[in-house]
């Protein structure tokens, strides 16, 4: 795989765009690349330069999904991983969605503590949660990712979830076909 298990940024941005549109259509407020606002102690021991550096070093999840119903805000980070990369193949070949599971665990390690210490939403008063949406390039999705997406929509909005899954599948298969064509063309050069 080019660049190891991580796939090109253009694929990631396309996935984020698709994921962003669906909750918006369902009536959620969606913000792209929000700053993860954390509590900082107000102690005089923290200088203004430390505060400024902290503000610049924030992790940026891909989306912040908010509801007008006073529900918990959710930071979302989208990831696409190739389970066929040599670096993953031995550990992921025997179990469906194993690459997605491994990547989800890594995302949780990266973001979870920061989200737990983030500032509560002004609309709900609850601290936001974090949902890593991990997709494999061959179409598998982490089961919790699937449950979280399903939780966004009422049964009357099942067509939105169906459309989201369809658009993500088509995007992945177009990417896979393009990647294969480029690899085959390189063999005959």
C-alpha atoms as a PDB file:
ATOM      1  CA  UNK A   1       0.000   0.000   0.000  1.00  0.00           C
ATOM      2  CA  UNK A   2       1.291   3.483  -0.758  1.00  0.00           C
ATOM      3  CA  UNK A   3       2.254   5.187   2.488  1.00  0.00           C
ATOM      4  CA  UNK A   4       1.719   2.006   4.520  1.00  0.00           C
ATOM      5  CA  UNK A   5      -1.663   1.276   6.014  1.00  0.00           C
ATOM      6  CA  UNK A   6      -2.726   4.913   5.900  1.00  0.00           C
ATOM      7  CA  UNK A   7      -4.430   5.840   2.668  1.00  0.00           C
ATOM      8  CA  UNK A   8      -4.177   9.090   0.685  1.00  0.00           C
ATOM      9  CA  UNK A   9      -5.456  12.322   2.176  1.00  0.00           C
ATOM     10  CA  UNK A  10      -7.832  12.845  -0.756  1.00  0.00           C
ATOM     11  CA  UNK A  11      -9.690   9.644   0.180  1.00  0.00           C
ATOM     12  CA  UNK A  12      -9.876  10.767   3.813  1.00  0.00           C
ATOM     13  CA  UNK A  13     -11.227  14.208   2.864  1.00  0.00           C
ATOM     14  CA  UNK A  14     -13.843  12.619   0.594  1.00  0.00           C
ATOM     15  CA  UNK A  15     -14.973  10.308   3.399  1.00  0.00           C
ATOM     16  CA  UNK A  16     -15.174  13.228   5.850  1.00  0.00           C
ATOM     17  CA  UNK A  17     -17.266  15.205   3.354  1.00  0.00           C
ATOM     18  CA  UNK A  18     -19.734  12.315   2.974  1.00  0.00           C
ATOM     19  CA  UNK A  19     -19.934  11.752   6.741  1.00  0.00           C
ATOM     20  CA  UNK A  20     -20.389  15.521   7.311  1.00  0.00           C
ATOM     21  CA  UNK A  21     -23.341  15.815   4.920  1.00  0.00           C
ATOM     22  CA  UNK A  22     -25.460  13.028   6.399  1.00  0.00           C
ATOM     23  CA  UNK A  23     -25.881  14.289  10.010  1.00  0.00           C
ATOM     24  CA  UNK A  24     -26.430  17.797   8.607  1.00  0.00           C
ATOM     25  CA  UNK A  25     -29.276  16.449   6.468  1.00  0.00           C
ATOM     26  CA  UNK A  26     -30.738  14.769   9.571  1.00  0.00           C
ATOM     27  CA  UNK A  27     -30.854  18.114  11.404  1.00  0.00           C
ATOM     28  CA  UNK A  28     -27.626  18.024  13.424  1.00  0.00           C
ATOM     29  CA  UNK A  29     -25.223  20.950  13.579  1.00  0.00           C
ATOM     30  CA  UNK A  30     -21.883  19.742  12.193  1.00  0.00           C
ATOM     31  CA  UNK A  31     -18.633  21.682  12.458  1.00  0.00           C
ATOM     32  CA  UNK A  32     -15.570  20.646  10.457  1.00  0.00           C
ATOM     33  CA  UNK A  33     -12.142  20.399  12.153  1.00  0.00           C
ATOM     34  CA  UNK A  34     -13.166  21.884  15.505  1.00  0.00           C
ATOM     35  CA  UNK A  35     -10.551  22.827  18.080  1.00  0.00           C
ATOM     36  CA  UNK A  36     -10.745  20.443  21.010  1.00  0.00           C
ATOM     37  CA  UNK A  37     -11.323  22.945  23.826  1.00  0.00           C
ATOM     38  CA  UNK A  38      -9.830  21.694  27.058  1.00  0.00           C
ATOM     39  CA  UNK A  39      -9.908  22.965  30.592  1.00  0.00           C
ATOM     40  CA  UNK A  40      -6.646  24.580  31.627  1.00  0.00           C
ATOM     41  CA  UNK A  41      -5.993  25.308  35.287  1.00  0.00           C
ATOM     42  CA  UNK A  42      -6.307  29.011  36.037  1.00  0.00           C
ATOM     43  CA  UNK A  43      -3.245  28.887  38.251  1.00  0.00           C
ATOM     44  CA  UNK A  44      -0.705  31.665  37.879  1.00  0.00           C
ATOM     45  CA  UNK A  45       1.895  28.916  37.382  1.00  0.00           C
ATOM     46  CA  UNK A  46       0.759  28.557  33.765  1.00  0.00           C
ATOM     47  CA  UNK A  47       2.229  31.372  31.733  1.00  0.00           C
ATOM     48  CA  UNK A  48       0.467  33.028  28.831  1.00  0.00           C
ATOM     49  CA  UNK A  49       3.087  31.581  26.454  1.00  0.00           C
ATOM     50  CA  UNK A  50       2.282  28.055  27.746  1.00  0.00           C
ATOM     51  CA  UNK A  51      -1.411  28.734  27.212  1.00  0.00           C
ATOM     52  CA  UNK A  52      -0.719  29.984  23.677  1.00  0.00           C
ATOM     53  CA  UNK A  53       1.425  26.917  22.887  1.00  0.00           C
ATOM     54  CA  UNK A  54      -1.307  24.666  24.287  1.00  0.00           C
ATOM     55  CA  UNK A  55      -3.904  26.361  22.094  1.00  0.00           C
ATOM     56  CA  UNK A  56      -1.753  25.736  19.011  1.00  0.00           C
ATOM     57  CA  UNK A  57      -1.103  22.066  19.826  1.00  0.00           C
ATOM     58  CA  UNK A  58      -4.733  20.977  19.981  1.00  0.00           C
ATOM     59  CA  UNK A  59      -5.679  17.768  18.298  1.00  0.00           C
ATOM     60  CA  UNK A  60      -8.246  18.411  15.621  1.00  0.00           C
ATOM     61  CA  UNK A  61     -10.892  15.777  15.157  1.00  0.00           C
ATOM     62  CA  UNK A  62     -12.576  15.869  11.759  1.00  0.00           C
ATOM     63  CA  UNK A  63     -16.059  16.855  12.963  1.00  0.00           C
ATOM     64  CA  UNK A  64     -18.087  18.023  15.940  1.00  0.00           C
ATOM     65  CA  UNK A  65     -21.695  16.812  15.787  1.00  0.00           C
ATOM     66  CA  UNK A  66     -24.150  18.737  17.972  1.00  0.00           C
ATOM     67  CA  UNK A  67     -27.866  18.403  18.535  1.00  0.00           C
ATOM     68  CA  UNK A  68     -30.413  21.057  19.330  1.00  0.00           C
ATOM     69  CA  UNK A  69     -32.134  18.576  21.671  1.00  0.00           C
ATOM     70  CA  UNK A  70     -29.643  18.979  24.522  1.00  0.00           C
ATOM     71  CA  UNK A  71     -27.857  15.729  23.707  1.00  0.00           C
ATOM     72  CA  UNK A  72     -24.141  15.201  24.268  1.00  0.00           C
ATOM     73  CA  UNK A  73     -21.894  16.687  21.568  1.00  0.00           C
ATOM     74  CA  UNK A  74     -19.676  14.171  19.789  1.00  0.00           C
ATOM     75  CA  UNK A  75     -16.219  14.738  18.359  1.00  0.00           C
ATOM     76  CA  UNK A  76     -15.731  12.496  15.323  1.00  0.00           C
ATOM     77  CA  UNK A  77     -12.516  11.425  13.651  1.00  0.00           C
ATOM     78  CA  UNK A  78     -12.719   9.531  10.352  1.00  0.00           C
ATOM     79  CA  UNK A  79     -10.077   7.015   9.336  1.00  0.00           C
ATOM     80  CA  UNK A  80      -9.711   4.692   6.363  1.00  0.00           C
ATOM     81  CA  UNK A  81      -7.222   1.858   6.683  1.00  0.00           C
ATOM     82  CA  UNK A  82      -6.049  -0.795   4.225  1.00  0.00           C
ATOM     83  CA  UNK A  83      -6.187  -4.267   5.812  1.00  0.00           C
ATOM     84  CA  UNK A  84      -4.047  -5.740   3.014  1.00  0.00           C
ATOM     85  CA  UNK A  85      -0.900  -3.782   3.863  1.00  0.00           C
ATOM     86  CA  UNK A  86       1.988  -6.047   4.729  1.00  0.00           C
ATOM     87  CA  UNK A  87       2.414  -4.324   8.100  1.00  0.00           C
ATOM     88  CA  UNK A  88      -1.139  -5.349   9.085  1.00  0.00           C
ATOM     89  CA  UNK A  89      -1.734  -8.550   7.166  1.00  0.00           C
ATOM     90  CA  UNK A  90      -0.437 -11.032   9.741  1.00  0.00           C
ATOM     91  CA  UNK A  91      -2.487  -9.525  12.563  1.00  0.00           C
ATOM     92  CA  UNK A  92      -5.682  -8.851  10.614  1.00  0.00           C
ATOM     93  CA  UNK A  93      -6.096 -11.684   8.141  1.00  0.00           C
ATOM     94  CA  UNK A  94      -7.953 -14.100  10.433  1.00  0.00           C
ATOM     95  CA  UNK A  95     -10.574 -11.741  11.869  1.00  0.00           C
ATOM     96  CA  UNK A  96     -13.093  -9.586   9.975  1.00  0.00           C
ATOM     97  CA  UNK A  97     -12.613  -5.855  10.618  1.00  0.00           C
ATOM     98  CA  UNK A  98      -9.481  -6.503  12.721  1.00  0.00           C
ATOM     99  CA  UNK A  99      -7.629  -3.625  11.071  1.00  0.00           C
ATOM    100  CA  UNK A 100     -10.541  -1.304  11.904  1.00  0.00           C
ATOM    101  CA  UNK A 101     -10.509  -2.536  15.515  1.00  0.00           C
ATOM    102  CA  UNK A 102      -6.776  -1.893  15.860  1.00  0.00           C
ATOM    103  CA  UNK A 103      -7.054   1.578  14.352  1.00  0.00           C
ATOM    104  CA  UNK A 104     -10.065   2.455  16.537  1.00  0.00           C
ATOM    105  CA  UNK A 105      -8.065   1.527  19.647  1.00  0.00           C
ATOM    106  CA  UNK A 106      -5.219   3.784  18.507  1.00  0.00           C
ATOM    107  CA  UNK A 107      -7.643   6.677  17.870  1.00  0.00           C
ATOM    108  CA  UNK A 108      -9.195   6.238  21.326  1.00  0.00           C
ATOM    109  CA  UNK A 109      -5.731   6.348  22.922  1.00  0.00           C
ATOM    110  CA  UNK A 110      -4.938   9.520  21.004  1.00  0.00           C
ATOM    111  CA  UNK A 111      -8.153  11.450  21.713  1.00  0.00           C
ATOM    112  CA  UNK A 112     -10.014   9.942  24.670  1.00  0.00           C
ATOM    113  CA  UNK A 113      -8.244  11.699  27.558  1.00  0.00           C
ATOM    114  CA  UNK A 114      -8.367  15.031  25.738  1.00  0.00           C
ATOM    115  CA  UNK A 115     -12.112  14.663  25.098  1.00  0.00           C
ATOM    116  CA  UNK A 116     -12.804  13.625  28.705  1.00  0.00           C
ATOM    117  CA  UNK A 117     -11.192  16.878  29.891  1.00  0.00           C
ATOM    118  CA  UNK A 118     -12.854  19.088  27.313  1.00  0.00           C
ATOM    119  CA  UNK A 119     -15.234  21.900  28.137  1.00  0.00           C
ATOM    120  CA  UNK A 120     -18.886  20.826  28.506  1.00  0.00           C
ATOM    121  CA  UNK A 121     -21.294  21.840  25.784  1.00  0.00           C
ATOM    122  CA  UNK A 122     -23.202  25.012  26.513  1.00  0.00           C
ATOM    123  CA  UNK A 123     -26.429  23.469  25.200  1.00  0.00           C
ATOM    124  CA  UNK A 124     -26.394  20.230  27.207  1.00  0.00           C
ATOM    125  CA  UNK A 125     -23.973  20.918  30.049  1.00  0.00           C
ATOM    126  CA  UNK A 126     -22.449  17.482  29.332  1.00  0.00           C
ATOM    127  CA  UNK A 127     -18.870  16.810  28.359  1.00  0.00           C
ATOM    128  CA  UNK A 128     -18.663  15.705  24.738  1.00  0.00           C
ATOM    129  CA  UNK A 129     -17.863  12.150  23.750  1.00  0.00           C
ATOM    130  CA  UNK A 130     -15.561  10.838  21.035  1.00  0.00           C
ATOM    131  CA  UNK A 131     -16.514   8.558  18.130  1.00  0.00           C
ATOM    132  CA  UNK A 132     -13.716   7.248  15.907  1.00  0.00           C
ATOM    133  CA  UNK A 133     -15.295   6.236  12.588  1.00  0.00           C
ATOM    134  CA  UNK A 134     -12.935   3.650  11.150  1.00  0.00           C
ATOM    135  CA  UNK A 135     -13.519   2.116   7.741  1.00  0.00           C
ATOM    136  CA  UNK A 136     -11.428  -0.460   5.933  1.00  0.00           C
ATOM    137  CA  UNK A 137     -10.654   0.123   2.274  1.00  0.00           C
ATOM    138  CA  UNK A 138     -12.390  -3.151   1.408  1.00  0.00           C
ATOM    139  CA  UNK A 139     -15.637  -1.972   3.000  1.00  0.00           C
ATOM    140  CA  UNK A 140     -15.616  -3.259   6.579  1.00  0.00           C
ATOM    141  CA  UNK A 141     -16.655  -0.856   9.293  1.00  0.00           C
ATOM    142  CA  UNK A 142     -15.951  -1.196  13.009  1.00  0.00           C
ATOM    143  CA  UNK A 143     -19.169  -2.458  14.710  1.00  0.00           C
ATOM    144  CA  UNK A 144     -19.262   0.483  17.143  1.00  0.00           C
ATOM    145  CA  UNK A 145     -18.926   2.853  14.205  1.00  0.00           C
ATOM    146  CA  UNK A 146     -21.967   1.243  12.654  1.00  0.00           C
ATOM    147  CA  UNK A 147     -23.940   1.464  15.929  1.00  0.00           C
ATOM    148  CA  UNK A 148     -23.022   5.128  16.405  1.00  0.00           C
ATOM    149  CA  UNK A 149     -24.124   6.010  12.869  1.00  0.00           C
ATOM    150  CA  UNK A 150     -27.384   4.119  13.420  1.00  0.00           C
ATOM    151  CA  UNK A 151     -27.975   6.031  16.678  1.00  0.00           C
ATOM    152  CA  UNK A 152     -27.953   9.353  14.820  1.00  0.00           C
ATOM    153  CA  UNK A 153     -31.023   8.546  12.799  1.00  0.00           C
ATOM    154  CA  UNK A 154     -34.605   7.728  13.684  1.00  0.00           C
ATOM    155  CA  UNK A 155     -36.263   4.821  11.898  1.00  0.00           C
ATOM    156  CA  UNK A 156     -37.926   7.413   9.642  1.00  0.00           C
ATOM    157  CA  UNK A 157     -34.430   8.417   8.479  1.00  0.00           C
ATOM    158  CA  UNK A 158     -33.168   4.935   7.612  1.00  0.00           C
ATOM    159  CA  UNK A 159     -32.769   6.039   3.999  1.00  0.00           C
ATOM    160  CA  UNK A 160     -30.125   8.576   5.123  1.00  0.00           C
ATOM    161  CA  UNK A 161     -28.064   5.842   6.760  1.00  0.00           C
ATOM    162  CA  UNK A 162     -28.512   3.635   3.696  1.00  0.00           C
ATOM    163  CA  UNK A 163     -27.351   6.490   1.437  1.00  0.00           C
ATOM    164  CA  UNK A 164     -24.349   7.177   3.676  1.00  0.00           C
ATOM    165  CA  UNK A 165     -23.248   3.544   3.535  1.00  0.00           C
ATOM    166  CA  UNK A 166     -23.828   3.418  -0.214  1.00  0.00           C
ATOM    167  CA  UNK A 167     -21.800   6.592  -0.858  1.00  0.00           C
ATOM    168  CA  UNK A 168     -18.953   5.381   1.358  1.00  0.00           C
ATOM    169  CA  UNK A 169     -18.912   1.982  -0.395  1.00  0.00           C
ATOM    170  CA  UNK A 170     -18.864   3.538  -3.857  1.00  0.00           C
ATOM    171  CA  UNK A 171     -16.055   5.894  -2.817  1.00  0.00           C
ATOM    172  CA  UNK A 172     -13.974   2.998  -1.467  1.00  0.00           C
ATOM    173  CA  UNK A 173     -14.506   0.835  -4.545  1.00  0.00           C
ATOM    174  CA  UNK A 174     -13.626   3.717  -6.876  1.00  0.00           C
ATOM    175  CA  UNK A 175     -10.456   4.275  -4.884  1.00  0.00           C
ATOM    176  CA  UNK A 176      -9.596   0.562  -4.972  1.00  0.00           C
ATOM    177  CA  UNK A 177     -10.148   0.390  -8.745  1.00  0.00           C
ATOM    178  CA  UNK A 178      -8.024   3.500  -9.315  1.00  0.00           C
ATOM    179  CA  UNK A 179      -5.272   2.155  -7.060  1.00  0.00           C
ATOM    180  CA  UNK A 180      -5.271  -1.175  -8.919  1.00  0.00           C
ATOM    181  CA  UNK A 181      -5.146   0.521 -12.339  1.00  0.00           C
ATOM    182  CA  UNK A 182      -2.156   2.635 -11.287  1.00  0.00           C
ATOM    183  CA  UNK A 183      -0.353  -0.428  -9.905  1.00  0.00           C
ATOM    184  CA  UNK A 184      -0.991  -2.380 -13.126  1.00  0.00           C
ATOM    185  CA  UNK A 185       0.142   0.530 -15.285  1.00  0.00           C
ATOM    186  CA  UNK A 186       3.386   0.739 -13.281  1.00  0.00           C
ATOM    187  CA  UNK A 187       4.060  -2.950 -14.002  1.00  0.00           C
ATOM    188  CA  UNK A 188       3.956  -2.349 -17.766  1.00  0.00           C
ATOM    189  CA  UNK A 189       6.087   0.797 -17.853  1.00  0.00           C
END
